[in-house]
Amino acid sequence: MPCATTIGDMFVCCDANERSSRESVLELHEKSGDLAALLRLLHDPPSLPVELPRESRSDSVQYDPTTIIPLPILKLLLSVIADKYALDQEIVKVLKAHLEAHAPAHGLEVYGFASQLGLEWEASTASQYISPLASYRFEDIKVIPTVVAYHKLIRLQDFRVKALRDLLLGEDLFPHG
């Protein structure tokens, strides 16, 4: 007879007093890797990625790669574990920060993943690191999950090109003669 119905009940099931009163069986329908990741998140919540020092304020933020959760693990944590187990919002916020930290190196992949999960802010942040879409191979573009996400990305890139064009056309080419 299974005694655990929620994750909180799962730990009560292993209590010595609970065991002595009746025979308890704990059935888990999770992959061992998913369960290990969940327990690790709960026992040792991740910290924010560490920013590297910038030479000037205009430099983009860069992170120490050793402090960023690897992207494949992060995908598991955000797509499977965070939603399924309704993790604390502070943990989810830190996981999203790790996702954004991957954007400079993996812009298209982060954009596609964030779009798939409905993380609009993270997708928008990642979009600024994506080269013009015509420069990607067909296999690379497949990470964008829907035609709507693809269209949003095209519109964002078009808006940025027009804004840059307007900025450049509004400036004097030779302001000092």
Protein backbone atom coordinates (compact mmCIF):
# COMPACT_ATOMS: atom_id res chain seq x y z
CA MET A 1 0.00 0.00 0.00
CA PRO A 2 1.63 3.28 -1.05
CA CYS A 3 1.80 5.80 1.74
CA ALA A 4 3.13 8.84 -0.10
CA THR A 5 0.82 10.99 -2.17
CA THR A 6 2.92 14.16 -2.29
CA ILE A 7 6.60 14.92 -2.04
CA GLY A 8 6.16 16.09 1.55
CA ASP A 9 4.47 12.80 2.44
CA MET A 10 7.35 10.94 0.85
CA PHE A 11 9.67 11.83 3.72
CA VAL A 12 7.06 11.09 6.41
CA CYS A 13 6.79 7.60 4.98
CA CYS A 14 10.38 6.91 5.98
CA ASP A 15 9.88 8.03 9.60
CA ALA A 16 10.51 5.23 12.12
CA ASN A 17 7.20 5.82 13.98
CA GLU A 18 5.26 5.68 10.74
CA ARG A 19 6.97 2.45 9.73
CA SER A 20 6.22 0.63 12.94
CA SER A 21 2.49 1.31 12.74
CA ARG A 22 2.07 -0.33 9.32
CA GLU A 23 3.97 -1.74 6.42
CA SER A 24 4.82 1.09 4.03
CA VAL A 25 5.85 0.99 0.44
CA LEU A 26 7.12 4.01 -1.40
CA GLU A 27 6.57 3.88 -5.14
CA LEU A 28 8.48 6.39 -7.23
CA HIS A 29 7.80 6.73 -10.92
CA GLU A 30 10.81 8.90 -11.59
CA LYS A 31 14.09 8.35 -13.35
CA SER A 32 16.93 8.08 -10.89
CA GLY A 33 18.68 11.10 -12.45
CA ASP A 34 15.56 13.26 -12.11
CA LEU A 35 15.11 12.24 -8.49
CA ALA A 36 18.78 12.86 -7.70
CA ALA A 37 18.56 16.32 -9.30
CA LEU A 38 15.42 17.14 -7.30
CA LEU A 39 16.96 16.06 -4.01
CA ARG A 40 20.14 17.99 -4.80
CA LEU A 41 18.09 21.12 -5.56
CA LEU A 42 16.17 20.80 -2.31
CA HIS A 43 19.19 19.99 -0.16
CA ASP A 44 21.68 22.40 -1.74
CA PRO A 45 19.88 25.17 -3.70
CA PRO A 46 22.07 26.73 -6.41
CA SER A 47 23.50 30.21 -6.09
CA LEU A 48 23.54 32.86 -8.79
CA PRO A 49 26.27 32.67 -11.43
CA VAL A 50 29.31 34.76 -10.53
CA GLU A 51 29.84 37.83 -12.71
CA LEU A 52 33.35 38.47 -13.97
CA PRO A 53 34.76 41.99 -13.45
CA ARG A 54 34.10 44.41 -16.32
CA GLU A 55 36.61 46.90 -17.63
CA SER A 56 33.92 49.49 -18.32
CA ARG A 57 30.20 49.89 -17.78
CA SER A 58 29.53 49.50 -21.50
CA ASP A 59 30.97 45.97 -21.54
CA SER A 60 28.38 43.22 -21.49
CA VAL A 61 28.06 41.08 -18.39
CA GLN A 62 30.13 37.92 -18.48
CA TYR A 63 29.99 35.05 -16.01
CA ASP A 64 32.55 32.68 -14.61
CA PRO A 65 31.78 29.50 -16.60
CA THR A 66 32.60 27.31 -13.61
CA THR A 67 29.69 28.84 -11.66
CA ILE A 68 27.04 28.28 -14.35
CA ILE A 69 24.88 25.14 -14.28
CA PRO A 70 25.55 23.24 -17.56
CA LEU A 71 22.80 23.76 -20.14
CA PRO A 72 21.68 20.09 -20.44
CA ILE A 73 21.23 19.84 -16.66
CA LEU A 74 19.54 23.23 -16.56
CA LYS A 75 17.07 22.12 -19.22
CA LEU A 76 16.14 19.11 -17.08
CA LEU A 77 15.77 21.25 -13.96
CA LEU A 78 13.57 23.88 -15.61
CA SER A 79 11.48 21.76 -17.96
CA VAL A 80 10.84 18.71 -15.80
CA ILE A 81 11.61 19.28 -12.15
CA ALA A 82 10.76 22.95 -11.48
CA ASP A 83 7.28 22.67 -12.94
CA LYS A 84 6.40 19.16 -11.81
CA TYR A 85 7.38 19.70 -8.19
CA ALA A 86 6.40 23.38 -7.93
CA LEU A 87 9.80 24.45 -6.65
CA ASP A 88 10.20 27.56 -4.56
CA GLN A 89 10.18 30.71 -6.70
CA GLU A 90 13.59 31.77 -5.40
CA ILE A 91 15.13 28.55 -6.75
CA VAL A 92 13.34 29.01 -10.08
CA LYS A 93 14.59 32.61 -10.23
CA VAL A 94 18.19 31.42 -9.78
CA LEU A 95 17.71 28.73 -12.45
CA LYS A 96 16.43 31.40 -14.87
CA ALA A 97 19.52 33.51 -14.12
CA HIS A 98 21.68 30.53 -15.05
CA LEU A 99 19.72 30.18 -18.29
CA GLU A 100 20.34 33.85 -19.12
CA ALA A 101 24.04 33.35 -18.38
CA HIS A 102 24.17 30.82 -21.24
CA ALA A 103 22.65 33.28 -23.74
CA PRO A 104 25.88 34.94 -24.96
CA ALA A 105 27.40 31.60 -25.99
CA HIS A 106 24.22 29.71 -26.96
CA GLY A 107 21.74 32.44 -27.94
CA LEU A 108 19.62 30.46 -30.38
CA GLU A 109 19.41 27.38 -28.16
CA VAL A 110 18.50 29.44 -25.08
CA TYR A 111 15.92 31.38 -27.11
CA GLY A 112 14.30 28.19 -28.36
CA PHE A 113 14.23 26.58 -24.93
CA ALA A 114 12.91 29.70 -23.19
CA SER A 115 10.23 30.08 -25.87
CA GLN A 116 9.20 26.47 -25.41
CA LEU A 117 8.70 27.06 -21.67
CA GLY A 118 6.96 30.41 -22.15
CA LEU A 119 9.79 32.36 -20.50
CA GLU A 120 9.32 35.56 -22.51
CA TRP A 121 11.88 37.68 -20.64
CA GLU A 122 14.63 35.08 -20.93
CA ALA A 123 13.79 34.50 -24.61
CA SER A 124 13.97 38.23 -25.29
CA THR A 125 17.31 38.49 -23.48
CA ALA A 126 18.72 35.57 -25.48
CA SER A 127 17.49 37.05 -28.77
CA GLN A 128 20.02 39.87 -28.59
CA TYR A 129 22.84 37.31 -28.97
CA ILE A 130 21.38 35.63 -32.07
CA SER A 131 22.97 36.34 -35.43
CA PRO A 132 20.70 37.09 -38.39
CA LEU A 133 18.59 33.99 -38.95
CA ALA A 134 19.75 33.59 -42.54
CA SER A 135 23.22 32.74 -41.22
CA TYR A 136 22.02 29.57 -39.47
CA ARG A 137 21.63 26.13 -40.99
CA PHE A 138 18.21 24.53 -41.15
CA GLU A 139 19.20 22.04 -38.43
CA ASP A 140 20.14 24.90 -36.10
CA ILE A 141 16.81 26.70 -36.57
CA LYS A 142 14.92 23.56 -35.51
CA VAL A 143 15.52 24.49 -31.84
CA ILE A 144 12.86 27.20 -32.21
CA PRO A 145 9.73 25.35 -31.05
CA THR A 146 6.92 27.11 -32.94
CA VAL A 147 6.33 29.34 -35.91
CA VAL A 148 5.09 32.01 -33.49
CA ALA A 149 8.42 31.99 -31.63
CA TYR A 150 10.23 32.12 -34.98
CA HIS A 151 8.12 35.08 -36.10
CA LYS A 152 8.70 36.93 -32.80
CA LEU A 153 12.44 36.49 -33.27
CA ILE A 154 12.30 37.83 -36.84
CA ARG A 155 10.27 40.83 -35.65
CA LEU A 156 12.72 41.51 -32.80
CA GLN A 157 15.67 41.39 -35.18
CA ASP A 158 13.88 43.66 -37.67
CA PHE A 159 13.06 46.15 -34.91
CA ARG A 160 16.69 46.23 -33.79
CA VAL A 161 17.94 46.80 -37.36
CA LYS A 162 15.47 49.65 -37.88
CA ALA A 163 16.36 51.24 -34.52
CA LEU A 164 20.07 51.06 -35.34
CA ARG A 165 19.44 52.50 -38.82
CA ASP A 166 17.44 55.39 -37.33
CA LEU A 167 20.17 56.05 -34.80
CA LEU A 168 22.90 56.09 -37.44
CA LEU A 169 20.92 58.23 -39.89
CA GLY A 170 20.24 60.77 -37.15
CA GLU A 171 23.93 61.28 -36.38
CA ASP A 172 26.34 63.57 -38.23
CA LEU A 173 28.90 61.59 -40.17
CA PHE A 174 31.63 64.17 -39.69
CA PRO A 175 30.59 66.24 -36.67
CA HIS A 176 33.92 68.12 -36.48
CA GLY A 177 34.25 69.19 -40.12
